[in-house]
Amino acid sequence: MTDGRHRTYGSGESADRSRRAAHHRTSHRLAARAATKTAAGIRSRLSRGALPPPLWLRIEGITVALVGPLAVIGCTVAAVLAGLPSSKAVAAGVVAVLALTLYLFVTRAGRLISGIVAGLGIALALVVPQAATELTLAGRGERVQVVVTAVDTSSEDEGRYLCSVRYGDGTPVQRRLWRGCSASVSPGESIAMVYDPQGRIAPRGASPAPDTWRLVAQGAGLAGLLAAFSYAAVVRSIRRRY
């Protein structure tokens, strides 16, 4: 009877050991498979990072690099030529910037580089309306002498003076001028003003050294940087897409 019990206990212990050994072997195999898959995924990501981006992705990057800056410039210039104030022209450009940034987020380009693209786009949207206004007035603007009726200090910039002016026939100009206006200018004196014959762009005081080409150079530089970072954002997104 005792021998039977020992045999029963011995066979039970042997079965338990067999089950535990099988469980350990199964766990080891699952762990080995997981490690193999992880290593394969890492090798795949490293190989994608090391290899040049595929042709379709480079084409997509070039397309975004061209369309993005052109959309920002086109929206702002169209708003200026339509006679909208600078604030609305900037807003139109910002809308294009937001659309570009949203596209980069959708393609999982990364927060940092998408933020850089958004910052460059907003800076471009701030510069383009000024450059477009200067170029338009330089191309079709007409110069005329106007009479100063009052000189005030700007509420936004204490170092800037604003002159209220009128035409020679007495018609007041709706916009106050700061170019050509200074503390030394007195009511009754005349200063030069450039205006748009079509009336779409607000008149401004004539400057002996306009900032036209400086603004154009700034806009071109920002547009180039925006295109470069947009291309880089699209190309690097392949590491996050797959």
C-alpha atoms as a PDB file:
ATOM      1  CA  MET A   1       0.000   0.000   0.000  1.00  0.00           C
ATOM      2  CA  THR A   2       2.816   2.294   0.885  1.00  0.00           C
ATOM      3  CA  ASP A   3       4.663   1.426  -2.307  1.00  0.00           C
ATOM      4  CA  GLY A   4       1.551   2.250  -4.304  1.00  0.00           C
ATOM      5  CA  ARG A   5       1.287   5.630  -2.642  1.00  0.00           C
ATOM      6  CA  HIS A   6       4.958   6.374  -3.323  1.00  0.00           C
ATOM      7  CA  ARG A   7       4.505   5.383  -6.923  1.00  0.00           C
ATOM      8  CA  THR A   8       1.433   7.623  -7.174  1.00  0.00           C
ATOM      9  CA  TYR A   9       3.221  10.574  -5.583  1.00  0.00           C
ATOM     10  CA  GLY A  10       6.303   9.948  -7.684  1.00  0.00           C
ATOM     11  CA  SER A  11       4.339   9.874 -10.920  1.00  0.00           C
ATOM     12  CA  GLY A  12       2.464  13.077  -9.905  1.00  0.00           C
ATOM     13  CA  GLU A  13       5.682  14.896  -9.124  1.00  0.00           C
ATOM     14  CA  SER A  14       7.171  13.750 -12.404  1.00  0.00           C
ATOM     15  CA  ALA A  15       4.126  15.029 -14.305  1.00  0.00           C
ATOM     16  CA  ASP A  16       4.363  18.386 -12.508  1.00  0.00           C
ATOM     17  CA  ARG A  17       8.036  18.682 -13.386  1.00  0.00           C
ATOM     18  CA  SER A  18       7.237  17.839 -17.011  1.00  0.00           C
ATOM     19  CA  ARG A  19       4.517  20.503 -17.154  1.00  0.00           C
ATOM     20  CA  ARG A  20       6.795  23.108 -15.587  1.00  0.00           C
ATOM     21  CA  ALA A  21       9.585  22.245 -18.000  1.00  0.00           C
ATOM     22  CA  ALA A  22       7.201  22.475 -20.951  1.00  0.00           C
ATOM     23  CA  HIS A  23       5.905  25.813 -19.673  1.00  0.00           C
ATOM     24  CA  HIS A  24       9.458  27.159 -19.363  1.00  0.00           C
ATOM     25  CA  ARG A  25      10.316  25.960 -22.861  1.00  0.00           C
ATOM     26  CA  THR A  26       7.196  27.630 -24.230  1.00  0.00           C
ATOM     27  CA  SER A  27       8.017  30.885 -22.401  1.00  0.00           C
ATOM     28  CA  HIS A  28      11.568  30.819 -23.725  1.00  0.00           C
ATOM     29  CA  ARG A  29      10.339  30.257 -27.270  1.00  0.00           C
ATOM     30  CA  LEU A  30       7.833  33.140 -27.003  1.00  0.00           C
ATOM     31  CA  ALA A  31      10.488  35.431 -25.534  1.00  0.00           C
ATOM     32  CA  ALA A  32      12.927  34.444 -28.276  1.00  0.00           C
ATOM     33  CA  ARG A  33      10.311  35.160 -30.940  1.00  0.00           C
ATOM     34  CA  ALA A  34       9.512  38.561 -29.408  1.00  0.00           C
ATOM     35  CA  ALA A  35      13.198  39.427 -29.229  1.00  0.00           C
ATOM     36  CA  THR A  36      13.661  38.350 -32.837  1.00  0.00           C
ATOM     37  CA  LYS A  37      10.733  40.503 -33.978  1.00  0.00           C
ATOM     38  CA  THR A  38      12.021  43.487 -32.001  1.00  0.00           C
ATOM     39  CA  ALA A  39      15.501  43.117 -33.426  1.00  0.00           C
ATOM     40  CA  ALA A  40      14.060  42.781 -36.925  1.00  0.00           C
ATOM     41  CA  GLY A  41      11.998  45.939 -36.395  1.00  0.00           C
ATOM     42  CA  ILE A  42      15.041  47.856 -35.181  1.00  0.00           C
ATOM     43  CA  ARG A  43      17.114  46.631 -38.126  1.00  0.00           C
ATOM     44  CA  SER A  44      14.287  47.615 -40.477  1.00  0.00           C
ATOM     45  CA  ARG A  45      14.087  51.116 -39.017  1.00  0.00           C
ATOM     46  CA  LEU A  46      17.840  51.523 -39.103  1.00  0.00           C
ATOM     47  CA  SER A  47      17.978  50.339 -42.685  1.00  0.00           C
ATOM     48  CA  ARG A  48      15.221  52.774 -43.656  1.00  0.00           C
ATOM     49  CA  GLY A  49      17.125  55.591 -41.967  1.00  0.00           C
ATOM     50  CA  ALA A  50      20.369  54.637 -43.657  1.00  0.00           C
ATOM     51  CA  LEU A  51      18.943  54.113 -47.135  1.00  0.00           C
ATOM     52  CA  PRO A  52      17.962  57.108 -49.285  1.00  0.00           C
ATOM     53  CA  PRO A  53      14.219  57.870 -49.305  1.00  0.00           C
ATOM     54  CA  PRO A  54      12.231  56.245 -52.096  1.00  0.00           C
ATOM     55  CA  LEU A  55      11.511  58.172 -55.261  1.00  0.00           C
ATOM     56  CA  TRP A  56       7.807  58.637 -54.522  1.00  0.00           C
ATOM     57  CA  LEU A  57       8.611  60.209 -51.168  1.00  0.00           C
ATOM     58  CA  ARG A  58      11.158  62.582 -52.688  1.00  0.00           C
ATOM     59  CA  ILE A  59       8.575  63.637 -55.285  1.00  0.00           C
ATOM     60  CA  GLU A  60       6.071  64.247 -52.495  1.00  0.00           C
ATOM     61  CA  GLY A  61       8.665  66.281 -50.599  1.00  0.00           C
ATOM     62  CA  ILE A  62       9.490  68.405 -53.632  1.00  0.00           C
ATOM     63  CA  THR A  63       5.789  68.992 -54.267  1.00  0.00           C
ATOM     64  CA  VAL A  64       5.180  70.115 -50.690  1.00  0.00           C
ATOM     65  CA  ALA A  65       8.338  72.258 -50.742  1.00  0.00           C
ATOM     66  CA  LEU A  66       7.006  74.092 -53.815  1.00  0.00           C
ATOM     67  CA  VAL A  67       3.307  74.265 -53.004  1.00  0.00           C
ATOM     68  CA  GLY A  68       3.718  75.341 -49.356  1.00  0.00           C
ATOM     69  CA  PRO A  69       5.684  78.591 -49.850  1.00  0.00           C
ATOM     70  CA  LEU A  70       3.795  79.424 -53.052  1.00  0.00           C
ATOM     71  CA  ALA A  71       0.474  79.037 -51.215  1.00  0.00           C
ATOM     72  CA  VAL A  72       1.585  81.392 -48.445  1.00  0.00           C
ATOM     73  CA  ILE A  73       2.923  83.962 -50.921  1.00  0.00           C
ATOM     74  CA  GLY A  74      -0.055  83.620 -53.252  1.00  0.00           C
ATOM     75  CA  CYS A  75      -2.654  84.082 -50.490  1.00  0.00           C
ATOM     76  CA  THR A  76      -0.968  87.159 -49.056  1.00  0.00           C
ATOM     77  CA  VAL A  77      -0.277  88.819 -52.415  1.00  0.00           C
ATOM     78  CA  ALA A  78      -3.838  88.162 -53.587  1.00  0.00           C
ATOM     79  CA  ALA A  79      -5.183  89.777 -50.409  1.00  0.00           C
ATOM     80  CA  VAL A  80      -2.955  92.840 -50.899  1.00  0.00           C
ATOM     81  CA  LEU A  81      -3.934  93.257 -54.549  1.00  0.00           C
ATOM     82  CA  ALA A  82      -7.596  92.867 -53.594  1.00  0.00           C
ATOM     83  CA  GLY A  83      -7.282  95.941 -51.405  1.00  0.00           C
ATOM     84  CA  LEU A  84      -7.507  94.162 -48.044  1.00  0.00           C
ATOM     85  CA  PRO A  85      -5.599  95.648 -45.108  1.00  0.00           C
ATOM     86  CA  SER A  86      -2.261  94.154 -44.124  1.00  0.00           C
ATOM     87  CA  SER A  87      -3.727  92.374 -41.100  1.00  0.00           C
ATOM     88  CA  LYS A  88      -6.146  90.415 -43.296  1.00  0.00           C
ATOM     89  CA  ALA A  89      -3.414  89.682 -45.824  1.00  0.00           C
ATOM     90  CA  VAL A  90      -1.290  88.229 -43.018  1.00  0.00           C
ATOM     91  CA  ALA A  91      -4.291  86.206 -41.825  1.00  0.00           C
ATOM     92  CA  ALA A  92      -4.734  84.760 -45.320  1.00  0.00           C
ATOM     93  CA  GLY A  93      -1.101  83.667 -45.313  1.00  0.00           C
ATOM     94  CA  VAL A  94      -1.427  82.154 -41.838  1.00  0.00           C
ATOM     95  CA  VAL A  95      -4.353  80.043 -43.058  1.00  0.00           C
ATOM     96  CA  ALA A  96      -2.082  78.579 -45.730  1.00  0.00           C
ATOM     97  CA  VAL A  97       0.604  77.958 -43.088  1.00  0.00           C
ATOM     98  CA  LEU A  98      -1.890  76.122 -40.872  1.00  0.00           C
ATOM     99  CA  ALA A  99      -2.932  73.935 -43.801  1.00  0.00           C
ATOM    100  CA  LEU A 100       0.706  73.047 -44.495  1.00  0.00           C
ATOM    101  CA  THR A 101       1.385  72.296 -40.821  1.00  0.00           C
ATOM    102  CA  LEU A 102      -1.736  70.138 -40.571  1.00  0.00           C
ATOM    103  CA  TYR A 103      -0.575  68.136 -43.589  1.00  0.00           C
ATOM    104  CA  LEU A 104       2.790  67.526 -41.930  1.00  0.00           C
ATOM    105  CA  PHE A 105       1.078  66.373 -38.732  1.00  0.00           C
ATOM    106  CA  VAL A 106      -1.110  63.979 -40.711  1.00  0.00           C
ATOM    107  CA  THR A 107       1.960  62.486 -42.380  1.00  0.00           C
ATOM    108  CA  ARG A 108       3.595  62.177 -38.923  1.00  0.00           C
ATOM    109  CA  ALA A 109       6.558  64.338 -39.799  1.00  0.00           C
ATOM    110  CA  GLY A 110       7.322  65.145 -36.160  1.00  0.00           C
ATOM    111  CA  ARG A 111       6.380  67.967 -33.825  1.00  0.00           C
ATOM    112  CA  LEU A 112       9.714  69.772 -33.792  1.00  0.00           C
ATOM    113  CA  ILE A 113      10.223  70.107 -37.527  1.00  0.00           C
ATOM    114  CA  SER A 114       6.516  70.845 -38.055  1.00  0.00           C
ATOM    115  CA  GLY A 115       6.824  73.648 -35.493  1.00  0.00           C
ATOM    116  CA  ILE A 116       9.848  75.044 -37.342  1.00  0.00           C
ATOM    117  CA  VAL A 117       7.884  74.977 -40.597  1.00  0.00           C
ATOM    118  CA  ALA A 118       4.968  76.780 -38.925  1.00  0.00           C
ATOM    119  CA  GLY A 119       7.271  79.470 -37.520  1.00  0.00           C
ATOM    120  CA  LEU A 120       8.961  80.078 -40.866  1.00  0.00           C
ATOM    121  CA  GLY A 121       5.596  80.193 -42.617  1.00  0.00           C
ATOM    122  CA  ILE A 122       4.198  82.785 -40.215  1.00  0.00           C
ATOM    123  CA  ALA A 123       7.339  84.904 -40.587  1.00  0.00           C
ATOM    124  CA  LEU A 124       6.942  84.717 -44.362  1.00  0.00           C
ATOM    125  CA  ALA A 125       3.268  85.704 -44.075  1.00  0.00           C
ATOM    126  CA  LEU A 126       4.305  88.800 -42.112  1.00  0.00           C
ATOM    127  CA  VAL A 127       6.943  89.919 -44.638  1.00  0.00           C
ATOM    128  CA  VAL A 128       5.174  89.259 -47.938  1.00  0.00           C
ATOM    129  CA  PRO A 129       2.354  91.848 -47.572  1.00  0.00           C
ATOM    130  CA  GLN A 130       4.910  94.587 -46.925  1.00  0.00           C
ATOM    131  CA  ALA A 131       7.043  93.533 -49.883  1.00  0.00           C
ATOM    132  CA  ALA A 132       3.990  93.205 -52.151  1.00  0.00           C
ATOM    133  CA  THR A 133       2.787  96.677 -51.166  1.00  0.00           C
ATOM    134  CA  GLU A 134       6.193  98.232 -51.789  1.00  0.00           C
ATOM    135  CA  LEU A 135       6.584  96.516 -55.166  1.00  0.00           C
ATOM    136  CA  THR A 136       3.081  97.496 -56.264  1.00  0.00           C
ATOM    137  CA  LEU A 137       3.560 101.147 -55.344  1.00  0.00           C
ATOM    138  CA  ALA A 138       7.002 101.139 -56.946  1.00  0.00           C
ATOM    139  CA  GLY A 139       5.466  99.803 -60.152  1.00  0.00           C
ATOM    140  CA  ARG A 140       2.252 101.769 -60.547  1.00  0.00           C
ATOM    141  CA  GLY A 141       2.264 104.254 -57.686  1.00  0.00           C
ATOM    142  CA  GLU A 142       2.230 107.976 -58.305  1.00  0.00           C
ATOM    143  CA  ARG A 143       4.070 110.569 -56.272  1.00  0.00           C
ATOM    144  CA  VAL A 144       2.324 113.725 -55.138  1.00  0.00           C
ATOM    145  CA  GLN A 145       2.924 116.537 -52.662  1.00  0.00           C
ATOM    146  CA  VAL A 146       0.402 116.792 -49.827  1.00  0.00           C
ATOM    147  CA  VAL A 147      -0.071 119.418 -47.139  1.00  0.00           C
ATOM    148  CA  VAL A 148       0.330 118.502 -43.461  1.00  0.00           C
ATOM    149  CA  THR A 149      -2.663 119.474 -41.296  1.00  0.00           C
ATOM    150  CA  ALA A 150      -1.631 117.918 -37.962  1.00  0.00           C
ATOM    151  CA  VAL A 151       1.297 116.048 -36.386  1.00  0.00           C
ATOM    152  CA  ASP A 152       0.704 113.476 -33.639  1.00  0.00           C
ATOM    153  CA  THR A 153       2.751 110.902 -31.774  1.00  0.00           C
ATOM    154  CA  SER A 154       1.918 107.252 -32.424  1.00  0.00           C
ATOM    155  CA  SER A 155       0.211 105.503 -29.517  1.00  0.00           C
ATOM    156  CA  GLU A 156       2.016 102.260 -30.388  1.00  0.00           C
ATOM    157  CA  ASP A 157       5.504 103.711 -30.864  1.00  0.00           C
ATOM    158  CA  GLU A 158       6.385 106.910 -29.056  1.00  0.00           C
ATOM    159  CA  GLY A 159       9.339 107.511 -31.351  1.00  0.00           C
ATOM    160  CA  ARG A 160       7.128 107.565 -34.453  1.00  0.00           C
ATOM    161  CA  TYR A 161       5.177 110.578 -35.648  1.00  0.00           C
ATOM    162  CA  LEU A 162       1.980 110.500 -37.706  1.00  0.00           C
ATOM    163  CA  CYS A 163       1.003 113.303 -40.056  1.00  0.00           C
ATOM    164  CA  SER A 164      -2.549 114.002 -41.102  1.00  0.00           C
ATOM    165  CA  VAL A 165      -2.448 115.385 -44.645  1.00  0.00           C
ATOM    166  CA  ARG A 166      -4.669 116.728 -47.438  1.00  0.00           C
ATOM    167  CA  TYR A 167      -4.363 117.114 -51.171  1.00  0.00           C
ATOM    168  CA  GLY A 168      -3.702 120.489 -52.747  1.00  0.00           C
ATOM    169  CA  ASP A 169      -7.426 120.946 -53.473  1.00  0.00           C
ATOM    170  CA  GLY A 170      -8.252 120.500 -49.791  1.00  0.00           C
ATOM    171  CA  THR A 171      -9.455 116.880 -49.935  1.00  0.00           C
ATOM    172  CA  PRO A 172      -8.245 115.071 -46.797  1.00  0.00           C
ATOM    173  CA  VAL A 173      -6.295 111.833 -47.091  1.00  0.00           C
ATOM    174  CA  GLN A 174      -7.977 109.127 -45.020  1.00  0.00           C
ATOM    175  CA  ARG A 175      -4.703 107.546 -43.913  1.00  0.00           C
ATOM    176  CA  ARG A 176      -2.127 109.226 -41.702  1.00  0.00           C
ATOM    177  CA  LEU A 177       1.472 109.029 -42.903  1.00  0.00           C
ATOM    178  CA  TRP A 178       4.563 108.203 -40.862  1.00  0.00           C
ATOM    179  CA  ARG A 179       7.165 108.167 -43.610  1.00  0.00           C
ATOM    180  CA  GLY A 180       8.459 111.656 -44.110  1.00  0.00           C
ATOM    181  CA  CYS A 181       6.768 112.757 -40.895  1.00  0.00           C
ATOM    182  CA  SER A 182       8.873 113.812 -37.928  1.00  0.00           C
ATOM    183  CA  ALA A 183       8.947 116.197 -34.995  1.00  0.00           C
ATOM    184  CA  SER A 184      10.466 118.836 -37.241  1.00  0.00           C
ATOM    185  CA  VAL A 185       7.439 118.849 -39.584  1.00  0.00           C
ATOM    186  CA  SER A 186       4.848 121.501 -38.857  1.00  0.00           C
ATOM    187  CA  PRO A 187       1.250 121.900 -40.062  1.00  0.00           C
ATOM    188  CA  GLY A 188       1.139 123.773 -43.363  1.00  0.00           C
ATOM    189  CA  GLU A 189       4.314 122.179 -44.703  1.00  0.00           C
ATOM    190  CA  SER A 190       4.212 119.775 -47.641  1.00  0.00           C
ATOM    191  CA  ILE A 191       5.606 116.237 -47.765  1.00  0.00           C
ATOM    192  CA  ALA A 192       5.738 113.643 -50.544  1.00  0.00           C
ATOM    193  CA  MET A 193       3.199 110.814 -50.685  1.00  0.00           C
ATOM    194  CA  VAL A 194       2.920 107.768 -52.975  1.00  0.00           C
ATOM    195  CA  TYR A 195      -0.569 106.484 -53.758  1.00  0.00           C
ATOM    196  CA  ASP A 196      -2.157 103.778 -55.858  1.00  0.00           C
ATOM    197  CA  PRO A 197      -4.189 105.214 -58.785  1.00  0.00           C
ATOM    198  CA  GLN A 198      -6.470 102.191 -58.589  1.00  0.00           C
ATOM    199  CA  GLY A 199      -7.146 102.879 -54.931  1.00  0.00           C
ATOM    200  CA  ARG A 200      -6.559  99.307 -53.783  1.00  0.00           C
ATOM    201  CA  ILE A 201      -3.456  99.992 -51.702  1.00  0.00           C
ATOM    202  CA  ALA A 202      -3.413 102.593 -48.969  1.00  0.00           C
ATOM    203  CA  PRO A 203      -1.155 105.606 -49.643  1.00  0.00           C
ATOM    204  CA  ARG A 204       2.045 106.082 -47.718  1.00  0.00           C
ATOM    205  CA  GLY A 205       4.697 108.685 -47.320  1.00  0.00           C
ATOM    206  CA  ALA A 206       7.528 108.644 -49.816  1.00  0.00           C
ATOM    207  CA  SER A 207      10.876 107.502 -48.475  1.00  0.00           C
ATOM    208  CA  PRO A 208      14.248 108.483 -49.922  1.00  0.00           C
ATOM    209  CA  ALA A 209      15.509 104.941 -49.252  1.00  0.00           C
ATOM    210  CA  PRO A 210      12.585 102.504 -49.486  1.00  0.00           C
ATOM    211  CA  ASP A 211      12.879  99.051 -47.916  1.00  0.00           C
ATOM    212  CA  THR A 212      11.560  97.318 -51.024  1.00  0.00           C
ATOM    213  CA  TRP A 213      14.558  95.163 -51.884  1.00  0.00           C
ATOM    214  CA  ARG A 214      15.400  94.425 -48.269  1.00  0.00           C
ATOM    215  CA  LEU A 215      11.879  93.083 -47.804  1.00  0.00           C
ATOM    216  CA  VAL A 216      12.110  91.101 -51.029  1.00  0.00           C
ATOM    217  CA  ALA A 217      15.416  89.571 -49.896  1.00  0.00           C
ATOM    218  CA  GLN A 218      13.928  88.669 -46.528  1.00  0.00           C
ATOM    219  CA  GLY A 219      10.911  87.091 -48.189  1.00  0.00           C
ATOM    220  CA  ALA A 220      13.081  85.093 -50.590  1.00  0.00           C
ATOM    221  CA  GLY A 221      15.255  83.832 -47.738  1.00  0.00           C
ATOM    222  CA  LEU A 222      12.265  82.798 -45.637  1.00  0.00           C
ATOM    223  CA  ALA A 223      10.621  81.110 -48.626  1.00  0.00           C
ATOM    224  CA  GLY A 224      13.816  79.136 -49.292  1.00  0.00           C
ATOM    225  CA  LEU A 225      14.083  78.016 -45.669  1.00  0.00           C
ATOM    226  CA  LEU A 226      10.401  77.093 -45.606  1.00  0.00           C
ATOM    227  CA  ALA A 227      10.830  74.982 -48.747  1.00  0.00           C
ATOM    228  CA  ALA A 228      13.928  73.231 -47.343  1.00  0.00           C
ATOM    229  CA  PHE A 229      12.346  72.365 -44.001  1.00  0.00           C
ATOM    230  CA  SER A 230       9.096  71.282 -45.666  1.00  0.00           C
ATOM    231  CA  TYR A 231      11.025  68.865 -47.877  1.00  0.00           C
ATOM    232  CA  ALA A 232      12.983  67.528 -44.897  1.00  0.00           C
ATOM    233  CA  ALA A 233       9.799  67.071 -42.885  1.00  0.00           C
ATOM    234  CA  VAL A 234       8.130  65.013 -45.597  1.00  0.00           C
ATOM    235  CA  VAL A 235      11.207  62.878 -46.297  1.00  0.00           C
ATOM    236  CA  ARG A 236      11.843  62.036 -42.655  1.00  0.00           C
ATOM    237  CA  SER A 237       8.190  61.105 -42.092  1.00  0.00           C
ATOM    238  CA  ILE A 238       8.880  57.645 -43.580  1.00  0.00           C
ATOM    239  CA  ARG A 239      10.463  56.672 -40.252  1.00  0.00           C
ATOM    240  CA  ARG A 240       7.120  57.241 -38.527  1.00  0.00           C
ATOM    241  CA  ARG A 241       4.746  56.019 -41.196  1.00  0.00           C
ATOM    242  CA  TYR A 242       5.887  52.403 -41.114  1.00  0.00           C
END
